[in-house]
Amino acid sequence: MNKIKLSLVAMSALLVASSAFAGSSLRVGSAGGQELLIPVGARGFALGGGVIADVTGVEATFWNPAGVSRQDGTEVMFMNMPYFADITVNFIGASTQVSDLGTFAFSGKFVDIGSIQETTEAQPEGTGVTFSPTLSVVGLTFSRQMTDKVNFGITANFINERIAQVSANSFAFDIGFMFEPQWHGVQLGMVIKNVGPSIKYSGRGFDRQDEDLGPRSVRPLNAAAELPSFVNLGIKFSPPTDNEHQFSFMGNFQSNNFSRDLWIGAFEYGYDDKYFVRGAYNYSDQKDYQYGLSVGGGINVEIAETRFTFEAAWREAEFFESDVMFTGKVLF
């Protein structure tokens, strides 16, 4: 009973905290650490992010860390996504149970922007030098089944951004719950994401010469940017079916701190727990919101008590090329 009370108190605290997240279209593009928003996992990607109430294993480190402990055994996951403007996103993660303590996971997301030609005030056409910005998010997750109905999880992410001779670092935390009332196939999920200190660039790349100071250089005071925090509430409904056919309907509400709120509706069909087809639609009344339809599928293959999962997803984009994601998982 004490665990149930503790879980209810913690979930109530998350709901109260969500009132502090006042989204506005006027704040779009003003947050730092935007790589935190790049999705991970083709299943959640195909379902438009509507998996807050139903995600398991390594993929849950991004969507809802409470779901990490819903996966038995040890899982390793790889992901590759060609992003817009010739950017590539790669991800690797692993999760494992540690006796009765809980489940731990490690994750790393790396954004390769490619080479950019350096320009300066004196040489706006280029100096002949190139640089390659790097963005990375490395996370550690702890998740535990609190009761037979409630799962809890927390992820601590270290953020590193480096552009030529300047860099920025910060920390971000995700806290999530999943609740399975064991009532007519309904599951509930809640997560608060990207809570942490502001991020600010620094480094000698900002140094400038001033004629009045002679050979000495000056460095401007740089402003800090808040992280793109938000709150997610999700629900899943799975009507009773036979063992071969599984249907799931998902809904999600995302209250954003730096944009208008987002509504997600998703659908998943599975056959014999081996073959899956998925689809979702994202809706926001924000002007020029670029995402909408997403679709995907997956296949599970079991060999010698080891399960291999291959998944792919596609998402339309209004102003850039559509996104495609590929994921591979190994569970043993």
Protein backbone atom coordinates (compact mmCIF):
# COMPACT_ATOMS: atom_id res chain seq x y z
CA MET A 1 0.00 0.00 0.00
CA ASN A 2 2.87 2.39 0.80
CA LYS A 3 4.27 1.89 -2.73
CA ILE A 4 0.88 2.69 -4.24
CA LYS A 5 0.57 5.87 -2.16
CA LEU A 6 4.11 6.93 -3.10
CA SER A 7 3.39 6.37 -6.78
CA LEU A 8 0.16 8.37 -6.62
CA VAL A 9 1.89 11.25 -4.83
CA ALA A 10 4.70 11.32 -7.41
CA MET A 11 2.26 11.25 -10.34
CA SER A 12 0.27 14.09 -8.74
CA ALA A 13 3.48 16.10 -8.42
CA LEU A 14 4.12 15.67 -12.13
CA LEU A 15 0.64 16.93 -12.95
CA VAL A 16 1.13 19.98 -10.74
CA ALA A 17 4.52 20.62 -12.37
CA SER A 18 2.93 20.52 -15.79
CA SER A 19 1.05 23.75 -15.04
CA ALA A 20 4.38 25.59 -15.22
CA PHE A 21 4.80 24.65 -18.88
CA ALA A 22 3.01 27.39 -20.74
CA GLY A 23 3.45 26.77 -24.46
CA SER A 24 3.45 29.64 -26.92
CA SER A 25 4.12 29.86 -30.64
CA LEU A 26 6.09 33.04 -29.89
CA ARG A 27 8.79 30.91 -28.23
CA VAL A 28 9.36 28.56 -31.17
CA GLY A 29 13.06 28.21 -31.97
CA SER A 30 14.26 29.96 -28.82
CA ALA A 31 15.15 26.82 -26.83
CA GLY A 32 18.60 25.27 -26.70
CA GLY A 33 19.52 21.60 -26.82
CA GLN A 34 17.22 20.86 -29.75
CA GLU A 35 18.85 17.45 -30.26
CA LEU A 36 16.88 16.36 -27.18
CA LEU A 37 13.76 16.44 -29.35
CA ILE A 38 15.07 14.11 -32.08
CA PRO A 39 13.09 10.88 -31.64
CA VAL A 40 14.59 7.46 -30.97
CA GLY A 41 13.14 4.10 -32.05
CA ALA A 42 11.22 3.28 -35.22
CA ARG A 43 8.16 1.95 -33.37
CA GLY A 44 7.58 5.18 -31.43
CA PHE A 45 8.49 7.18 -34.54
CA ALA A 46 5.89 5.35 -36.68
CA LEU A 47 3.30 5.87 -33.93
CA GLY A 48 3.99 9.61 -33.93
CA GLY A 49 5.25 9.58 -30.36
CA GLY A 50 1.94 8.24 -29.08
CA VAL A 51 3.65 5.47 -27.11
CA ILE A 52 3.83 7.18 -23.72
CA ALA A 53 1.53 4.53 -22.21
CA ASP A 54 3.04 1.56 -24.09
CA VAL A 55 6.77 1.43 -24.77
CA THR A 56 9.35 -1.06 -23.52
CA GLY A 57 13.08 -1.67 -23.41
CA VAL A 58 15.81 0.61 -24.69
CA GLU A 59 13.41 2.66 -26.85
CA ALA A 60 11.65 3.74 -23.65
CA THR A 61 14.75 5.69 -22.55
CA PHE A 62 13.55 8.42 -24.91
CA TRP A 63 9.74 8.19 -24.83
CA ASN A 64 9.03 7.22 -21.21
CA PRO A 65 11.76 5.78 -18.95
CA ALA A 66 9.13 3.94 -16.91
CA GLY A 67 8.81 1.47 -19.79
CA VAL A 68 12.43 0.30 -19.55
CA SER A 69 11.56 -2.04 -16.65
CA ARG A 70 8.70 -3.60 -18.63
CA GLN A 71 11.25 -5.50 -20.73
CA ASP A 72 12.70 -8.73 -19.32
CA GLY A 73 16.29 -9.76 -20.01
CA THR A 74 18.95 -7.71 -21.76
CA GLU A 75 18.29 -5.67 -24.90
CA VAL A 76 20.62 -3.86 -27.28
CA MET A 77 19.30 -1.37 -29.83
CA PHE A 78 20.81 0.43 -32.84
CA MET A 79 19.21 3.23 -34.87
CA ASN A 80 20.05 5.22 -37.97
CA MET A 81 18.05 8.14 -39.37
CA PRO A 82 18.97 10.33 -42.37
CA TYR A 83 17.72 13.71 -41.14
CA PHE A 84 17.06 16.91 -43.07
CA ALA A 85 19.84 19.00 -44.66
CA ASP A 86 22.12 15.94 -45.01
CA ILE A 87 22.27 15.48 -41.23
CA THR A 88 22.56 11.92 -39.90
CA VAL A 89 21.38 10.74 -36.48
CA ASN A 90 22.74 7.55 -34.92
CA PHE A 91 21.74 5.91 -31.64
CA ILE A 92 22.97 2.99 -29.57
CA GLY A 93 21.62 1.79 -26.26
CA ALA A 94 21.41 -1.20 -23.95
CA SER A 95 19.23 -2.17 -20.97
CA THR A 96 19.45 -4.99 -18.45
CA GLN A 97 17.81 -6.09 -15.23
CA VAL A 98 19.90 -6.04 -12.05
CA SER A 99 18.36 -8.64 -9.70
CA ASP A 100 15.49 -7.13 -7.70
CA LEU A 101 16.96 -3.62 -7.72
CA GLY A 102 15.47 -2.62 -11.06
CA THR A 103 16.47 -2.13 -14.68
CA PHE A 104 19.34 0.07 -15.85
CA ALA A 105 19.92 1.40 -19.36
CA PHE A 106 22.63 3.32 -21.15
CA SER A 107 21.92 5.34 -24.30
CA GLY A 108 23.82 7.54 -26.69
CA LYS A 109 22.43 9.72 -29.49
CA PHE A 110 24.90 11.34 -31.89
CA VAL A 111 24.07 13.95 -34.53
CA ASP A 112 26.47 14.26 -37.47
CA ILE A 113 25.96 17.59 -39.23
CA GLY A 114 28.83 17.17 -41.68
CA SER A 115 31.43 19.69 -42.82
CA ILE A 116 30.72 23.43 -42.97
CA GLN A 117 32.93 26.05 -44.58
CA GLU A 118 34.19 28.70 -42.19
CA THR A 119 33.34 32.33 -42.90
CA THR A 120 34.36 35.46 -41.01
CA GLU A 121 33.53 39.14 -41.07
CA ALA A 122 36.72 39.77 -43.05
CA GLN A 123 36.22 36.75 -45.35
CA PRO A 124 32.46 36.30 -45.85
CA GLU A 125 33.08 34.10 -48.90
CA GLY A 126 35.02 31.58 -46.84
CA THR A 127 38.46 31.14 -45.31
CA GLY A 128 39.17 27.77 -46.90
CA VAL A 129 38.84 26.08 -43.51
CA THR A 130 36.03 23.66 -42.70
CA PHE A 131 34.65 22.47 -39.37
CA SER A 132 32.26 19.70 -38.33
CA PRO A 133 29.77 20.50 -35.54
CA THR A 134 28.85 17.61 -33.24
CA LEU A 135 25.81 17.22 -31.02
CA SER A 136 25.43 14.36 -28.56
CA VAL A 137 23.13 13.20 -25.78
CA VAL A 138 24.39 10.45 -23.46
CA GLY A 139 21.91 9.08 -20.94
CA LEU A 140 21.67 6.77 -17.93
CA THR A 141 18.25 5.38 -17.02
CA PHE A 142 16.90 3.66 -13.92
CA SER A 143 13.48 2.04 -14.04
CA ARG A 144 11.57 -0.10 -11.57
CA GLN A 145 8.22 -1.83 -11.27
CA MET A 146 6.77 -0.22 -8.14
CA THR A 147 3.68 -2.43 -7.93
CA ASP A 148 1.92 -4.91 -10.20
CA LYS A 149 0.23 -1.88 -11.82
CA VAL A 150 2.77 0.97 -11.65
CA ASN A 151 6.20 1.39 -13.29
CA PHE A 152 8.53 4.30 -12.61
CA GLY A 153 11.60 5.52 -14.47
CA ILE A 154 14.08 8.39 -14.59
CA THR A 155 16.68 9.28 -17.22
CA ALA A 156 19.61 11.64 -16.71
CA ASN A 157 21.00 13.00 -19.99
CA PHE A 158 24.31 14.75 -20.49
CA ILE A 159 24.22 17.18 -23.43
CA ASN A 160 27.30 18.22 -25.36
CA GLU A 161 27.40 20.57 -28.34
CA ARG A 162 30.61 21.57 -30.09
CA ILE A 163 30.96 23.98 -33.02
CA ALA A 164 34.52 24.78 -34.06
CA GLN A 165 36.16 26.44 -31.04
CA VAL A 166 33.04 26.90 -28.92
CA SER A 167 31.03 24.37 -26.95
CA ALA A 168 28.06 24.03 -24.59
CA ASN A 169 27.11 21.46 -21.95
CA SER A 170 24.11 20.82 -19.74
CA PHE A 171 22.02 18.14 -18.04
CA ALA A 172 18.41 17.17 -18.65
CA PHE A 173 16.13 14.82 -16.73
CA ASP A 174 13.11 12.79 -17.81
CA ILE A 175 10.73 11.38 -15.19
CA GLY A 176 7.93 9.01 -16.16
CA PHE A 177 5.20 6.71 -14.88
CA MET A 178 3.10 3.97 -16.42
CA PHE A 179 -0.13 2.74 -14.87
CA GLU A 180 -1.93 -0.41 -15.93
CA PRO A 181 -5.29 -0.56 -14.09
CA GLN A 182 -6.01 -4.04 -15.52
CA TRP A 183 -9.34 -2.75 -16.76
CA HIS A 184 -10.60 -3.50 -20.27
CA GLY A 185 -7.15 -3.32 -21.88
CA VAL A 186 -6.47 0.31 -20.85
CA GLN A 187 -2.97 1.61 -20.01
CA LEU A 188 -1.93 5.12 -18.96
CA GLY A 189 1.39 6.93 -19.14
CA MET A 190 2.84 10.25 -18.07
CA VAL A 191 6.29 11.80 -18.49
CA ILE A 192 7.91 15.16 -17.95
CA LYS A 193 10.91 15.65 -20.26
CA ASN A 194 14.02 17.75 -20.61
CA VAL A 195 14.04 19.43 -17.21
CA GLY A 196 17.41 20.94 -16.37
CA PRO A 197 19.61 24.04 -16.29
CA SER A 198 19.93 26.34 -19.26
CA ILE A 199 22.64 25.73 -21.82
CA LYS A 200 25.20 28.38 -22.83
CA TYR A 201 28.05 28.41 -25.34
CA SER A 202 31.57 29.46 -24.40
CA GLY A 203 35.10 29.13 -25.74
CA ARG A 204 37.87 31.03 -27.44
CA GLY A 205 35.97 31.00 -30.72
CA PHE A 206 34.15 34.07 -29.36
CA ASP A 207 37.38 36.03 -28.84
CA ARG A 208 37.67 39.21 -30.91
CA GLN A 209 40.41 41.80 -31.27
CA ASP A 210 39.70 45.38 -30.26
CA GLU A 211 41.90 48.18 -31.60
CA ASP A 212 41.45 50.19 -28.40
CA LEU A 213 42.82 47.31 -26.29
CA GLY A 214 45.90 46.67 -28.37
CA PRO A 215 46.97 43.03 -28.65
CA ARG A 216 44.45 41.86 -26.09
CA SER A 217 41.22 40.15 -27.16
CA VAL A 218 37.73 40.51 -25.75
CA ARG A 219 35.01 37.92 -25.32
CA PRO A 220 31.29 38.86 -25.24
CA LEU A 221 28.94 37.69 -22.51
CA ASN A 222 26.76 35.01 -24.05
CA ALA A 223 23.11 34.47 -23.24
CA ALA A 224 21.85 31.10 -21.99
CA ALA A 225 18.95 29.22 -23.57
CA GLU A 226 16.38 27.13 -21.73
CA LEU A 227 15.94 23.46 -22.59
CA PRO A 228 12.85 22.39 -24.64
CA SER A 229 10.90 20.92 -21.73
CA PHE A 230 7.38 19.51 -22.04
CA VAL A 231 4.84 17.18 -20.43
CA ASN A 232 3.30 14.13 -22.11
CA LEU A 233 0.10 12.32 -21.16
CA GLY A 234 -0.82 9.11 -23.00
CA ILE A 235 -3.44 6.39 -23.11
CA LYS A 236 -3.60 3.03 -24.86
CA PHE A 237 -6.57 0.75 -25.47
CA SER A 238 -6.21 -2.84 -26.64
CA PRO A 239 -9.55 -4.59 -27.25
CA PRO A 240 -9.64 -8.33 -26.48
CA THR A 241 -8.83 -10.47 -29.54
CA ASP A 242 -7.56 -13.94 -30.31
CA ASN A 243 -3.88 -14.80 -29.87
CA GLU A 244 -2.94 -14.20 -33.52
CA HIS A 245 -4.35 -10.71 -34.09
CA GLN A 246 -3.60 -7.75 -31.82
CA PHE A 247 -5.02 -4.24 -32.19
CA SER A 248 -3.99 -1.16 -30.22
CA PHE A 249 -5.32 2.40 -30.29
CA MET A 250 -3.29 5.19 -28.69
CA GLY A 251 -3.87 8.82 -27.85
CA ASN A 252 -1.42 11.39 -26.58
CA PHE A 253 -1.46 15.00 -25.42
CA GLN A 254 1.82 16.92 -25.34
CA SER A 255 1.98 20.23 -23.49
CA ASN A 256 5.00 22.05 -24.87
CA ASN A 257 6.99 24.82 -23.25
CA PHE A 258 8.33 26.31 -26.50
CA SER A 259 5.51 25.70 -28.98
CA ARG A 260 1.79 25.11 -29.15
CA ASP A 261 0.35 21.92 -27.71
CA LEU A 262 0.30 18.71 -29.73
CA TRP A 263 -2.33 15.98 -30.12
CA ILE A 264 -1.47 12.50 -31.38
CA GLY A 265 -3.64 9.61 -32.51
CA ALA A 266 -2.05 6.25 -33.36
CA PHE A 267 -2.91 2.70 -34.40
CA GLU A 268 -0.95 -0.56 -34.34
CA TYR A 269 -1.81 -3.99 -35.72
CA GLY A 270 0.22 -7.08 -34.87
CA TYR A 271 -0.03 -10.59 -36.25
CA ASP A 272 1.19 -13.52 -34.16
CA ASP A 273 3.43 -11.11 -32.20
CA LYS A 274 5.83 -11.22 -35.17
CA TYR A 275 4.60 -8.80 -37.83
CA PHE A 276 3.45 -5.24 -37.17
CA VAL A 277 1.92 -2.34 -39.10
CA ARG A 278 1.67 1.12 -37.53
CA GLY A 279 0.42 4.58 -38.29
CA ALA A 280 -0.26 7.91 -36.58
CA TYR A 281 -1.18 11.52 -37.14
CA ASN A 282 0.14 14.57 -35.28
CA TYR A 283 -2.02 17.67 -34.99
CA SER A 284 -1.13 21.14 -33.76
CA ASP A 285 -2.85 24.46 -34.42
CA GLN A 286 0.56 26.11 -34.55
CA LYS A 287 1.11 27.99 -37.79
CA ASP A 288 3.41 26.18 -40.23
CA TYR A 289 3.65 23.06 -38.05
CA GLN A 290 5.59 20.70 -40.32
CA TYR A 291 4.75 17.15 -39.16
CA GLY A 292 1.60 15.10 -39.67
CA LEU A 293 1.31 11.55 -40.95
CA SER A 294 3.73 8.78 -39.94
CA VAL A 295 3.69 5.08 -40.83
CA GLY A 296 5.92 2.06 -40.31
CA GLY A 297 6.23 -1.61 -39.60
CA GLY A 298 8.36 -4.25 -37.92
CA ILE A 299 9.19 -7.93 -37.74
CA ASN A 300 10.36 -10.15 -34.87
CA VAL A 301 12.52 -13.21 -35.50
CA GLU A 302 13.48 -15.61 -32.69
CA ILE A 303 16.61 -17.73 -33.04
CA ALA A 304 17.92 -19.92 -30.21
CA GLU A 305 16.01 -17.98 -27.50
CA THR A 306 17.30 -14.68 -28.86
CA ARG A 307 14.83 -12.27 -30.43
CA PHE A 308 15.88 -10.04 -33.31
CA THR A 309 13.65 -7.09 -34.21
CA PHE A 310 13.88 -5.03 -37.40
CA GLU A 311 11.74 -1.90 -37.76
CA ALA A 312 11.36 1.00 -40.17
CA ALA A 313 9.30 4.20 -40.08
CA TRP A 314 8.52 7.17 -42.30
CA ARG A 315 7.25 10.64 -41.33
CA GLU A 316 6.09 13.38 -43.64
CA ALA A 317 7.64 16.83 -43.28
CA GLU A 318 6.18 20.04 -44.67
CA PHE A 319 9.33 22.05 -45.39
CA PHE A 320 12.04 19.39 -45.68
CA GLU A 321 12.38 15.91 -47.10
CA SER A 322 10.38 13.26 -45.27
CA ASP A 323 12.20 11.48 -42.45
CA VAL A 324 13.03 7.76 -42.56
CA MET A 325 14.26 5.75 -39.57
CA PHE A 326 15.66 2.22 -39.27
CA THR A 327 16.02 0.33 -35.99
CA GLY A 328 17.52 -3.01 -35.00
CA LYS A 329 17.08 -4.69 -31.61
CA VAL A 330 18.50 -7.81 -30.01
CA LEU A 331 16.84 -9.27 -26.89
CA PHE A 332 18.42 -12.14 -24.98
